[in-house]
Structures are given as structure tokens and as C-alpha cells.
């Protein structure tokens, strides 16, 4: 899009572009999402930015009305396989906070200077600024949805000091942390008071753009659920998906609610989007950002359903399927390494692995009692056969499936392992690596479905045309 097209999106308050770009108003010093309900500013006063971090770096503060930091992430980072896309997925996973810019660069196979240059040239902000914007958003969520002390929130958000935390919050939101907490919407304020302590969990709204077909996603998760690690409870339309999470600093338990009707078409008016309600219980609050990003990948919340449906809906075979299920998603994985093992051994055998080698939680929640066993544990306990080969490759780094992994390299490494056929590797590439353009081997799928072949497959399976 050029700037004139972006301005037209702002004039029409088009929610399809929330997260795809941001606009700032020079006369007010505020930046917003495209769908902001405020009066449209004059074109000569508007500047456009690829990221919130770029707007913040130019001195603009976040709009209190449209909360531009709460939009879904750009769908580009799901699609793109270049170094910028890989870097953005890793930054979203919290790598900068844990390993710094040097750690990010090492994972990407570039120098820190090259990463800084490429991100700044394309996005208007370097890795530190992008991570800082993410920390500010995490801080706002904790301030407005929990009653944690401000000092604890500072370090849980990834800031190195309370002073850095205070300065960033004032700069981004033009408010002190205490004032930002006091300005929480009434519903959020009541939730915070009801939460009382961190043990009650952190309530979240996981935003998505456009329509969202929740039922097929929850159907899939229910069919695949591994006892001890996952559960799906409740009747269709009001189900709750729960699972355990292994995170960098500790463990977590999450519950995500199915939202009825979020995929219904609304006539000629574009569906503006919505959210899934979730609650996170974490043993270490520093894992909040990472946990949220992994849930977003699992539920494919950063997808652009408008682009997907426009391309696939024009196909004679897929058109009726897209019309019946607008906004159908291609779910990913909360733990890519776990998904790879499960794709290889199947649900029943995965449950056996959990019972035999899974780590028991210190504080189980109902049927959620264990973490899925780590690759290193499986490699030692089951050294033989395809499972042993895969577990060893994951444990020693011969195969990388983290958010910044190169998809082509990962596929080649997986295919080189004994016992992994092309069909299993295609599942791993689709789910664990979040690739939106994977076709099962041997399937008759035309190139006109690119770059959304993973979504085309989901449509065919949801319609019962494929198993």
C-alpha cells in the first residue's frame, strides 16, 4: 500500500488493517490504529509507520481511545520466511528480553549489526525498540488486569529496572504506571479486583482481525487433545481449551474460551474482528509475553482472513467452502517440538509418553497434571527408532523449530531423519513452523491457491472432502 491508500483506510476506519500499519498525527503527538473512532485528521498532519515501535521512536504516544498496542500482530510475520519475518517472530517470543540482540542475531545466523540494519530499514525501528514496545504492552496488561505491585510488574514485563519501566510507560502512554492502572476500563478494573493475587490467573483478550471460525479450531484441538497435557471441556459453542505450557522461566496453565458466532458473516460490511477470552496461570510472570505469543500462534490469531478468503474464494472449488466458513484458520502449535513428536507417534502414543516421562506439575489443575516430556528426556529414554532420532535431533539442535527457524532448512533436516516421511514433515511444517503455504505430498492442489495452501487444506478437511 502507498500512503494515499493507507489514508483511505484510515478515513474509512477499516479494521482489516489494524496491526498492518499505524498512523500518527503530528498536531496531537498521538499514534493510532487505522480503525480508531476519533475524528479523521487532515492528510497533511498524518504520518504512517510499519510498527508501533517506529511511531514511539519518533516521539508519538499511544492513543488512549483505540489502544493501538492491543491490535493483532501483522500477518506478514506469519507469511514471510526472510530474516525480517523470522526476527519479528523471535522478538514476539521474547528472545530479546532473554538473550539480547546478540542472541537474536545468533539464532538468525547474522551479525547484530546486520539485524539492526535490516529491521531499521524496513520497519523504522531496531530490535531493542521493537522489544521495548512489546514490554510496554505487557506492562499495560498487567497494570490493568492484576493487582500486582508496580515493582513486580516492572520486572515481569521484561524491564531491567523500575526507572526504565516508569520512563517507558510515561513515554508511550503519557501517564504514570499508577495513573494507567487507575484509568483501566471499568470491566478490567473489576476483573483486577476480583483476581486479587497472581494465583487467580491473568485474564486476557486475545484479539484477532476479521471473522474467526472458532468451532473448527476447537474441534481439531478436542480430537488431538493428549491426556494430562490438554483438555477440552464444555458443550460445542461454549467449550474451554486448557493446556499446560513449558516456558523459559517456569510453567503455565492456560484456559481459552470458544467464542460463539465470531465467524458469522455480516452481510456487505467487513467483520471488524474480535477476541478469544483466556486466563493464564504462570509460575513466573516474566513468561507472560512468551505465553501469549505461543497461544496466538496456536490459534492463528494474527492471520489476515481477508487476504486468505479473497484469494481462495475466487476459486470455483473453494469458493462455496470459503463462503460457508469465512475466517477459517490454520492452527499452529503452542510447543513446536512437542507437536513434532506428536505428529510422528500419534495421539495415543503421545499420551503414553506423557504418563511415562512427562514432568508432573507442582500445582496441577484438574486433569492438567503434566508437561509434555522434553526432547532430551525422550532421547535418553527412547534412543532407538524414529522417535529417538527425532528427539535427539531436537535436543542437540540438528533440527530447529523455534519461531525464527528457517522453514526450508528445517524441512530438509527432518526429511534426513529415519522414519519421517514427507506427509509427517508437511504436518510439522504447517503446524510447528506456522507455514501458511504447505500442500500435502501427492495432493492435487493448484498453484493458484498460493500462498494460502495450508488454509485451502483446512477448508477441504472442514467440509469433509479430505481426512
Protein backbone atom coordinates (compact mmCIF):
# COMPACT_ATOMS: atom_id res chain seq x y z
CA UNK A 1 0.00 0.00 0.00
CA UNK A 2 1.10 3.56 -0.64
CA UNK A 3 0.38 6.36 1.82
CA UNK A 4 -2.70 7.55 -0.05
CA UNK A 5 -4.21 4.06 0.19
CA UNK A 6 -3.35 3.94 3.88
CA UNK A 7 -5.08 7.27 4.42
CA UNK A 8 -8.21 5.96 2.68
CA UNK A 9 -8.15 3.01 5.11
CA UNK A 10 -7.95 5.48 8.00
CA UNK A 11 -10.79 7.60 6.60
CA UNK A 12 -13.00 4.52 6.35
CA UNK A 13 -11.84 3.22 9.76
CA UNK A 14 -11.04 -0.10 8.14
CA UNK A 15 -10.25 -2.66 10.87
CA UNK A 16 -8.79 -5.03 8.29
CA UNK A 17 -5.55 -3.03 8.50
CA UNK A 18 -5.26 -2.89 12.31
CA UNK A 19 -1.75 -4.09 13.06
CA UNK A 20 -0.70 -3.92 9.41
CA UNK A 21 0.32 -0.28 9.87
CA UNK A 22 -0.14 2.63 12.31
CA UNK A 23 -0.75 6.31 11.74
CA UNK A 24 0.33 9.26 13.83
CA UNK A 25 -1.00 12.80 13.99
CA UNK A 26 1.70 15.45 14.18
CA UNK A 27 -0.60 18.09 15.71
CA UNK A 28 -1.57 15.90 18.67
CA UNK A 29 1.54 13.72 19.10
CA UNK A 30 -0.62 10.57 19.18
CA UNK A 31 -0.47 7.39 17.11
CA UNK A 32 -3.46 5.14 16.42
CA UNK A 33 -4.67 2.01 14.69
CA UNK A 34 -6.44 2.55 11.32
CA UNK A 35 -9.89 1.83 12.79
CA UNK A 36 -9.60 4.48 15.53
CA UNK A 37 -13.08 6.03 16.05
CA UNK A 38 -11.69 9.53 16.62
CA UNK A 39 -12.24 12.32 14.09
CA UNK A 40 -10.13 11.66 10.98
CA UNK A 41 -7.15 14.04 10.92
CA UNK A 42 -6.20 16.08 7.87
CA UNK A 43 -3.94 14.25 5.44
CA UNK A 44 -1.13 16.79 5.76
CA UNK A 45 -0.89 16.09 9.51
CA UNK A 46 -0.66 12.29 9.21
CA UNK A 47 2.42 10.08 9.18
CA UNK A 48 2.43 6.31 8.68
CA UNK A 49 4.54 3.68 10.42
CA UNK A 50 5.03 -0.04 9.91
CA UNK A 51 5.22 -0.71 13.66
CA UNK A 52 4.17 0.85 16.94
CA UNK A 53 7.82 0.90 17.93
CA UNK A 54 8.64 3.16 14.98
CA UNK A 55 5.90 5.59 15.98
CA UNK A 56 7.13 5.59 19.57
CA UNK A 57 10.69 6.16 18.39
CA UNK A 58 9.54 9.35 16.66
CA UNK A 59 8.05 10.66 19.88
CA UNK A 60 4.37 9.74 19.43
CA UNK A 61 2.36 8.27 22.30
CA UNK A 62 -0.35 5.62 22.13
CA UNK A 63 -3.97 6.69 21.70
CA UNK A 64 -5.99 6.02 24.86
CA UNK A 65 -9.16 5.53 22.86
CA UNK A 66 -8.20 2.86 20.29
CA UNK A 67 -5.26 1.29 22.21
CA UNK A 68 -3.07 0.61 19.15
CA UNK A 69 -0.78 -1.65 21.18
CA UNK A 70 -3.60 -4.20 21.58
CA UNK A 71 -4.14 -4.97 17.88
CA UNK A 72 -3.41 -8.36 16.33
CA UNK A 73 0.14 -8.72 15.07
CA UNK A 74 0.92 -8.14 11.41
CA UNK A 75 0.06 -11.16 9.28
CA UNK A 76 3.29 -10.55 7.35
CA UNK A 77 5.30 -12.22 10.09
CA UNK A 78 3.32 -15.46 9.61
CA UNK A 79 3.89 -15.50 5.87
CA UNK A 80 7.38 -14.16 5.40
CA UNK A 81 10.32 -16.53 5.60
CA UNK A 82 13.06 -13.89 5.24
CA UNK A 83 15.26 -12.61 8.04
CA UNK A 84 12.88 -9.76 8.97
CA UNK A 85 9.91 -12.10 9.32
CA UNK A 86 11.94 -14.60 11.32
CA UNK A 87 13.30 -11.82 13.55
CA UNK A 88 9.83 -10.49 14.29
CA UNK A 89 8.59 -13.93 15.30
CA UNK A 90 11.55 -14.35 17.64
CA UNK A 91 11.12 -10.90 19.16
CA UNK A 92 7.46 -11.73 19.75
CA UNK A 93 8.56 -14.87 21.57
CA UNK A 94 10.65 -12.76 23.97
CA UNK A 95 14.14 -13.65 22.72
CA UNK A 96 15.44 -10.08 23.13
CA UNK A 97 14.43 -9.99 26.79
CA UNK A 98 16.10 -13.35 27.48
CA UNK A 99 19.13 -13.34 25.19
CA UNK A 100 19.58 -9.78 23.98
CA UNK A 101 20.29 -8.62 20.43
CA UNK A 102 23.34 -10.90 20.24
CA UNK A 103 21.15 -13.92 20.99
CA UNK A 104 18.63 -12.87 18.34
CA UNK A 105 21.37 -12.43 15.75
CA UNK A 106 22.91 -15.80 16.59
CA UNK A 107 19.59 -17.56 16.10
CA UNK A 108 19.16 -15.87 12.73
CA UNK A 109 22.72 -16.55 11.59
CA UNK A 110 23.50 -12.87 11.04
CA UNK A 111 25.62 -10.31 12.84
CA UNK A 112 23.89 -7.98 15.31
CA UNK A 113 24.74 -5.05 13.02
CA UNK A 114 23.08 -6.72 10.02
CA UNK A 115 19.93 -7.47 12.00
CA UNK A 116 19.79 -3.89 13.30
CA UNK A 117 20.24 -2.50 9.78
CA UNK A 118 17.61 -4.69 8.12
CA UNK A 119 14.94 -4.14 10.77
CA UNK A 120 15.52 -0.39 10.91
CA UNK A 121 15.49 -0.05 7.13
CA UNK A 122 12.22 -1.91 6.68
CA UNK A 123 10.32 -1.24 9.92
CA UNK A 124 11.71 2.05 11.14
CA UNK A 125 12.84 0.53 14.44
CA UNK A 126 15.62 -1.77 15.59
CA UNK A 127 15.26 -4.92 17.69
CA UNK A 128 15.62 -3.15 21.04
CA UNK A 129 12.91 -0.62 20.18
CA UNK A 130 10.59 -3.40 18.96
CA UNK A 131 11.11 -5.35 22.19
CA UNK A 132 10.58 -2.18 24.23
CA UNK A 133 7.19 -1.60 22.60
CA UNK A 134 6.25 -5.17 23.44
CA UNK A 135 7.32 -4.71 27.07
CA UNK A 136 5.17 -1.58 27.31
CA UNK A 137 2.13 -3.53 26.11
CA UNK A 138 2.79 -6.33 28.62
CA UNK A 139 3.12 -3.75 31.38
CA UNK A 140 -0.22 -2.17 30.48
CA UNK A 141 -1.96 -5.56 30.51
CA UNK A 142 -0.56 -6.40 33.95
CA UNK A 143 -1.32 -2.95 35.35
CA UNK A 144 -4.93 -3.03 34.18
CA UNK A 145 -5.83 -6.69 34.78
CA UNK A 146 -4.00 -7.60 38.01
CA UNK A 147 -3.39 -6.11 41.43
CA UNK A 148 0.31 -6.94 41.40
CA UNK A 149 2.63 -4.32 42.90
CA UNK A 150 4.08 -1.96 40.32
CA UNK A 151 7.63 -3.06 41.13
CA UNK A 152 6.80 -6.70 40.36
CA UNK A 153 5.12 -5.69 37.11
CA UNK A 154 8.23 -3.78 36.02
CA UNK A 155 10.42 -6.88 36.09
CA UNK A 156 7.66 -9.25 34.92
CA UNK A 157 7.30 -7.09 31.79
CA UNK A 158 10.98 -7.56 30.94
CA UNK A 159 12.36 -4.19 32.06
CA UNK A 160 15.83 -4.13 33.58
CA UNK A 161 14.93 -1.53 36.21
CA UNK A 162 11.93 0.23 37.73
CA UNK A 163 13.23 3.55 36.42
CA UNK A 164 13.33 2.19 32.85
CA UNK A 165 9.80 0.86 33.34
CA UNK A 166 8.48 4.20 34.64
CA UNK A 167 10.14 6.18 31.87
CA UNK A 168 8.83 3.88 29.14
CA UNK A 169 5.25 3.84 30.41
CA UNK A 170 5.21 7.64 30.68
CA UNK A 171 6.69 7.99 27.22
CA UNK A 172 4.38 5.50 25.49
CA UNK A 173 1.11 6.24 27.30
CA UNK A 174 1.73 9.79 28.63
CA UNK A 175 0.74 8.52 32.08
CA UNK A 176 2.49 7.18 35.14
CA UNK A 177 2.04 3.47 35.87
CA UNK A 178 -0.30 4.28 38.76
CA UNK A 179 -2.40 6.58 36.59
CA UNK A 180 -2.52 3.97 33.83
CA UNK A 181 -3.82 1.43 36.33
CA UNK A 182 -6.44 3.88 37.60
CA UNK A 183 -7.54 4.58 34.01
CA UNK A 184 -8.36 0.92 33.34
CA UNK A 185 -11.82 0.35 31.82
CA UNK A 186 -14.42 -0.48 34.42
CA UNK A 187 -14.72 -4.13 33.42
CA UNK A 188 -10.96 -4.55 33.57
CA UNK A 189 -10.85 -2.83 36.93
CA UNK A 190 -13.45 -5.18 38.35
CA UNK A 191 -11.53 -8.14 36.96
CA UNK A 192 -8.34 -6.93 38.60
CA UNK A 193 -10.02 -6.56 41.96
CA UNK A 194 -11.60 -9.98 41.58
CA UNK A 195 -8.24 -11.52 40.67
CA UNK A 196 -6.67 -10.36 43.90
CA UNK A 197 -3.48 -12.42 43.60
CA UNK A 198 -1.35 -13.84 40.79
CA UNK A 199 -2.57 -17.34 41.67
CA UNK A 200 -6.01 -16.38 40.33
CA UNK A 201 -4.51 -16.04 36.87
CA UNK A 202 -4.27 -13.21 34.39
CA UNK A 203 -7.40 -12.55 32.32
CA UNK A 204 -6.67 -11.70 28.71
CA UNK A 205 -8.47 -10.88 25.48
CA UNK A 206 -6.56 -12.37 22.56
CA UNK A 207 -7.51 -10.12 19.65
CA UNK A 208 -7.94 -11.27 16.07
CA UNK A 209 -8.82 -9.42 12.87
CA UNK A 210 -11.87 -10.24 10.78
CA UNK A 211 -14.16 -13.23 11.24
CA UNK A 212 -12.91 -16.21 13.22
CA UNK A 213 -14.24 -19.74 12.88
CA UNK A 214 -13.75 -20.93 16.44
CA UNK A 215 -15.66 -24.22 16.12
CA UNK A 216 -13.30 -25.96 13.63
CA UNK A 217 -10.28 -24.92 15.71
CA UNK A 218 -11.77 -26.28 18.93
CA UNK A 219 -12.92 -29.41 17.08
CA UNK A 220 -9.35 -30.05 15.99
CA UNK A 221 -7.91 -29.39 19.45
CA UNK A 222 -10.50 -31.68 21.01
CA UNK A 223 -9.67 -34.52 18.60
CA UNK A 224 -5.95 -34.15 19.23
CA UNK A 225 -6.01 -33.50 22.99
CA UNK A 226 -3.40 -35.53 24.90
CA UNK A 227 -4.47 -36.53 28.39
CA UNK A 228 -2.54 -34.87 31.20
CA UNK A 229 -1.33 -32.04 28.97
CA UNK A 230 -4.58 -30.85 27.33
CA UNK A 231 -8.30 -30.92 27.90
CA UNK A 232 -11.41 -29.56 26.19
CA UNK A 233 -14.48 -29.17 28.37
CA UNK A 234 -17.99 -27.84 27.85
CA UNK A 235 -20.57 -28.17 25.06
CA UNK A 236 -19.90 -27.08 21.45
CA UNK A 237 -20.10 -23.31 21.18
CA UNK A 238 -19.04 -22.83 24.79
CA UNK A 239 -16.00 -25.06 25.09
CA UNK A 240 -12.87 -24.27 27.07
CA UNK A 241 -9.49 -25.46 25.88
CA UNK A 242 -6.91 -25.93 28.62
CA UNK A 243 -3.30 -26.99 28.46
CA UNK A 244 0.00 -26.89 30.28
CA UNK A 245 2.93 -24.85 28.98
CA UNK A 246 6.67 -25.21 29.38
CA UNK A 247 8.07 -21.68 29.32
CA UNK A 248 11.55 -20.13 29.56
CA UNK A 249 11.31 -19.16 33.23
CA UNK A 250 8.73 -21.60 34.57
CA UNK A 251 5.48 -23.32 33.71
CA UNK A 252 1.96 -22.24 32.93
CA UNK A 253 -1.62 -23.40 32.62
CA UNK A 254 -3.94 -21.66 30.18
CA UNK A 255 -7.67 -21.76 29.55
CA UNK A 256 -9.08 -20.33 26.30
CA UNK A 257 -12.82 -19.98 25.72
CA UNK A 258 -14.60 -20.76 22.49
CA UNK A 259 -16.42 -17.64 21.32
CA UNK A 260 -19.73 -18.45 19.68
CA UNK A 261 -20.61 -16.58 16.49
CA UNK A 262 -17.23 -14.93 15.93
CA UNK A 263 -17.13 -16.32 12.41
CA UNK A 264 -20.58 -15.24 11.23
CA UNK A 265 -20.57 -13.10 8.12
CA UNK A 266 -22.12 -9.66 8.49
CA UNK A 267 -23.59 -9.00 5.09
CA UNK A 268 -21.68 -6.50 3.00
CA UNK A 269 -19.92 -4.95 5.99
CA UNK A 270 -16.43 -6.26 6.74
CA UNK A 271 -16.28 -8.09 10.06
CA UNK A 272 -14.12 -5.82 12.26
CA UNK A 273 -12.64 -8.60 14.35
CA UNK A 274 -12.97 -9.75 17.93
CA UNK A 275 -11.13 -11.76 20.54
CA UNK A 276 -10.88 -15.01 22.45
CA UNK A 277 -11.07 -14.80 26.24
CA UNK A 278 -8.23 -16.52 28.05
CA UNK A 279 -6.80 -16.88 31.54
CA UNK A 280 -3.15 -17.61 32.22
CA UNK A 281 -1.69 -19.08 35.40
CA UNK A 282 2.10 -18.63 35.43
CA UNK A 283 4.71 -19.65 37.96
CA UNK A 284 6.86 -16.72 36.74
CA UNK A 285 5.23 -13.60 35.31
CA UNK A 286 8.24 -12.91 33.10
CA UNK A 287 6.78 -15.61 30.84
CA UNK A 288 3.61 -13.62 30.06
CA UNK A 289 4.71 -12.24 26.67
CA UNK A 290 6.06 -15.59 25.52
CA UNK A 291 2.94 -17.47 26.64
CA UNK A 292 0.64 -15.02 24.86
CA UNK A 293 2.60 -15.24 21.60
CA UNK A 294 2.54 -19.04 21.69
CA UNK A 295 -1.23 -19.02 22.16
CA UNK A 296 -1.57 -16.59 19.27
CA UNK A 297 0.34 -19.00 17.05
CA UNK A 298 -1.67 -21.99 18.27
CA UNK A 299 -4.99 -20.29 17.46
CA UNK A 300 -3.63 -18.47 14.36
CA UNK A 301 -4.84 -15.12 15.68
CA UNK A 302 -2.51 -12.92 13.62
CA UNK A 303 -3.74 -14.24 10.27
CA UNK A 304 -5.29 -11.93 7.67
CA UNK A 305 -8.59 -13.69 6.82
CA UNK A 306 -9.49 -11.03 4.27
CA UNK A 307 -6.44 -11.79 2.13
CA UNK A 308 -6.89 -15.55 2.53
CA UNK A 309 -10.60 -15.53 1.72
CA UNK A 310 -10.18 -13.17 -1.24
CA UNK A 311 -7.67 -15.48 -2.92
CA UNK A 312 -9.30 -18.82 -2.10
CA UNK A 313 -12.85 -17.55 -2.52
CA UNK A 314 -12.17 -16.82 -6.20
CA UNK A 315 -11.52 -20.50 -6.88
CA UNK A 316 -14.54 -22.44 -8.22
CA UNK A 317 -13.88 -25.41 -5.96
CA UNK A 318 -13.10 -23.47 -2.79
CA UNK A 319 -15.48 -20.53 -3.26
CA UNK A 320 -18.53 -22.21 -1.66
CA UNK A 321 -16.39 -23.53 1.20
CA UNK A 322 -14.97 -20.09 1.94
CA UNK A 323 -18.46 -18.56 1.83
CA UNK A 324 -19.64 -21.16 4.34
CA UNK A 325 -16.69 -20.65 6.70
CA UNK A 326 -15.27 -17.12 6.38
CA UNK A 327 -12.22 -16.62 8.51
CA UNK A 328 -11.27 -20.30 8.82
CA UNK A 329 -7.87 -20.58 10.48
CA UNK A 330 -4.87 -22.89 10.16
CA UNK A 331 -3.92 -23.67 13.78
CA UNK A 332 -0.26 -23.78 14.78
CA UNK A 333 1.38 -25.11 17.92
CA UNK A 334 2.00 -23.88 21.45
CA UNK A 335 5.15 -26.01 21.61
CA UNK A 336 6.72 -26.79 18.20
CA UNK A 337 8.95 -29.60 19.47
CA UNK A 338 6.03 -31.27 21.21
CA UNK A 339 3.98 -31.00 18.02
CA UNK A 340 6.74 -32.66 16.00
CA UNK A 341 6.85 -35.65 18.36
CA UNK A 342 3.06 -35.94 18.38
CA UNK A 343 2.89 -35.77 14.58
CA UNK A 344 5.32 -38.69 14.43
CA UNK A 345 3.89 -41.01 17.11
CA UNK A 346 0.17 -40.13 17.14
CA UNK A 347 -2.19 -39.17 19.96
CA UNK A 348 -2.32 -42.49 21.82
CA UNK A 349 1.43 -42.99 21.91
CA UNK A 350 1.89 -39.33 22.90
CA UNK A 351 -0.36 -39.93 25.92
CA UNK A 352 1.81 -42.91 26.89
CA UNK A 353 4.93 -40.72 26.66
CA UNK A 354 3.34 -38.15 28.97
CA UNK A 355 2.45 -40.79 31.56
CA UNK A 356 5.90 -42.37 31.45
CA UNK A 357 8.23 -39.42 31.03
CA UNK A 358 6.23 -36.20 31.49
CA UNK A 359 7.16 -33.89 34.35
CA UNK A 360 4.39 -33.61 36.97
CA UNK A 361 3.27 -30.06 37.79
CA UNK A 362 3.81 -28.80 41.31
CA UNK A 363 0.27 -27.44 41.28
CA UNK A 364 -1.91 -29.49 38.88
CA UNK A 365 -5.28 -28.17 37.78
CA UNK A 366 -7.91 -30.88 37.37
CA UNK A 367 -6.83 -33.23 34.61
CA UNK A 368 -3.94 -30.94 33.63
CA UNK A 369 -1.19 -32.64 35.57
CA UNK A 370 1.95 -32.89 33.44
CA UNK A 371 4.22 -31.15 30.97
CA UNK A 372 4.97 -32.95 27.74
CA UNK A 373 8.42 -34.60 28.04
CA UNK A 374 11.34 -32.60 26.68
CA UNK A 375 13.28 -33.90 23.67
CA UNK A 376 16.38 -34.54 25.77
CA UNK A 377 14.37 -36.74 28.13
CA UNK A 378 12.85 -38.68 25.23
CA UNK A 379 16.22 -39.06 23.50
CA UNK A 380 17.65 -40.70 26.60
CA UNK A 381 14.58 -42.80 27.45
CA UNK A 382 13.71 -43.89 23.88
CA UNK A 383 17.02 -43.79 21.97
CA UNK A 384 16.02 -46.22 19.23
CA UNK A 385 13.84 -45.85 16.17
CA UNK A 386 12.36 -42.75 14.54
CA UNK A 387 11.30 -41.25 17.89
CA UNK A 388 14.82 -41.47 19.26
CA UNK A 389 16.28 -39.93 16.12
CA UNK A 390 13.82 -37.04 16.13
CA UNK A 391 14.19 -36.39 19.87
CA UNK A 392 17.99 -36.41 19.61
CA UNK A 393 17.94 -34.03 16.64
CA UNK A 394 15.69 -31.62 18.51
CA UNK A 395 17.73 -31.89 21.70
CA UNK A 396 21.14 -31.28 20.10
CA UNK A 397 19.96 -28.55 17.71
CA UNK A 398 20.31 -30.50 14.47
CA UNK A 399 16.66 -29.56 13.85
CA UNK A 400 15.38 -26.10 14.80
CA UNK A 401 11.65 -25.49 15.13
CA UNK A 402 11.65 -22.24 17.10
CA UNK A 403 9.70 -19.22 15.75
CA UNK A 404 12.76 -17.96 13.89
CA UNK A 405 13.66 -21.25 12.23
CA UNK A 406 14.32 -21.30 8.51
CA UNK A 407 11.47 -23.42 7.14
CA UNK A 408 13.38 -24.87 4.21
CA UNK A 409 16.35 -25.84 6.38
CA UNK A 410 14.05 -27.40 8.97
CA UNK A 411 12.22 -29.43 6.35
CA UNK A 412 15.46 -30.73 4.85
CA UNK A 413 16.77 -31.70 8.29
CA UNK A 414 13.54 -33.50 9.17
CA UNK A 415 13.45 -35.42 5.90
CA UNK A 416 17.01 -36.59 6.55
CA UNK A 417 15.91 -38.36 9.76
CA UNK A 418 14.91 -42.03 9.61
CA UNK A 419 11.21 -42.76 9.80
CA UNK A 420 9.92 -39.28 8.95
CA UNK A 421 8.03 -39.35 5.67
CA UNK A 422 7.01 -36.37 3.58
CA UNK A 423 3.44 -36.36 4.92
CA UNK A 424 4.60 -36.14 8.56
CA UNK A 425 7.09 -33.41 7.71
CA UNK A 426 4.34 -31.45 5.92
CA UNK A 427 2.25 -31.56 9.12
CA UNK A 428 5.20 -30.36 11.16
CA UNK A 429 5.91 -27.55 8.70
CA UNK A 430 2.27 -26.45 8.73
CA UNK A 431 1.68 -26.64 12.46
CA UNK A 432 5.02 -26.35 14.26
CA UNK A 433 6.53 -23.78 11.87
CA UNK A 434 3.26 -22.00 11.11
CA UNK A 435 3.79 -22.09 7.35
CA UNK A 436 0.59 -20.87 5.61
CA UNK A 437 1.51 -22.40 2.24
CA UNK A 438 2.00 -26.16 2.66
CA UNK A 439 0.43 -28.78 0.41
CA UNK A 440 0.35 -32.46 1.47
CA UNK A 441 2.65 -34.53 -0.75
CA UNK A 442 0.88 -36.05 -3.72
CA UNK A 443 -2.23 -33.91 -3.31
CA UNK A 444 -3.80 -32.25 -6.34
CA UNK A 445 -3.50 -28.65 -5.21
CA UNK A 446 -3.09 -25.92 -7.85
CA UNK A 447 -0.53 -23.14 -7.59
CA UNK A 448 -3.36 -20.61 -7.80
CA UNK A 449 -4.04 -21.37 -4.13
CA UNK A 450 -0.64 -19.99 -3.17
CA UNK A 451 0.38 -18.55 -0.74
CA UNK A 452 -2.52 -19.98 1.30
CA UNK A 453 -2.45 -23.70 0.54
CA UNK A 454 -2.47 -24.61 4.26
CA UNK A 455 -5.78 -22.76 4.58
CA UNK A 456 -7.14 -24.45 1.45
CA UNK A 457 -6.41 -27.83 3.01
CA UNK A 458 -8.21 -26.77 6.19
CA UNK A 459 -11.28 -25.80 4.14
CA UNK A 460 -11.32 -29.16 2.36
CA UNK A 461 -10.97 -31.05 5.62
CA UNK A 462 -13.59 -28.95 7.41
CA UNK A 463 -16.01 -29.73 4.55
CA UNK A 464 -15.27 -33.45 4.88
CA UNK A 465 -13.65 -33.70 1.44
CA UNK A 466 -10.33 -34.78 2.94
CA UNK A 467 -9.45 -36.72 6.07
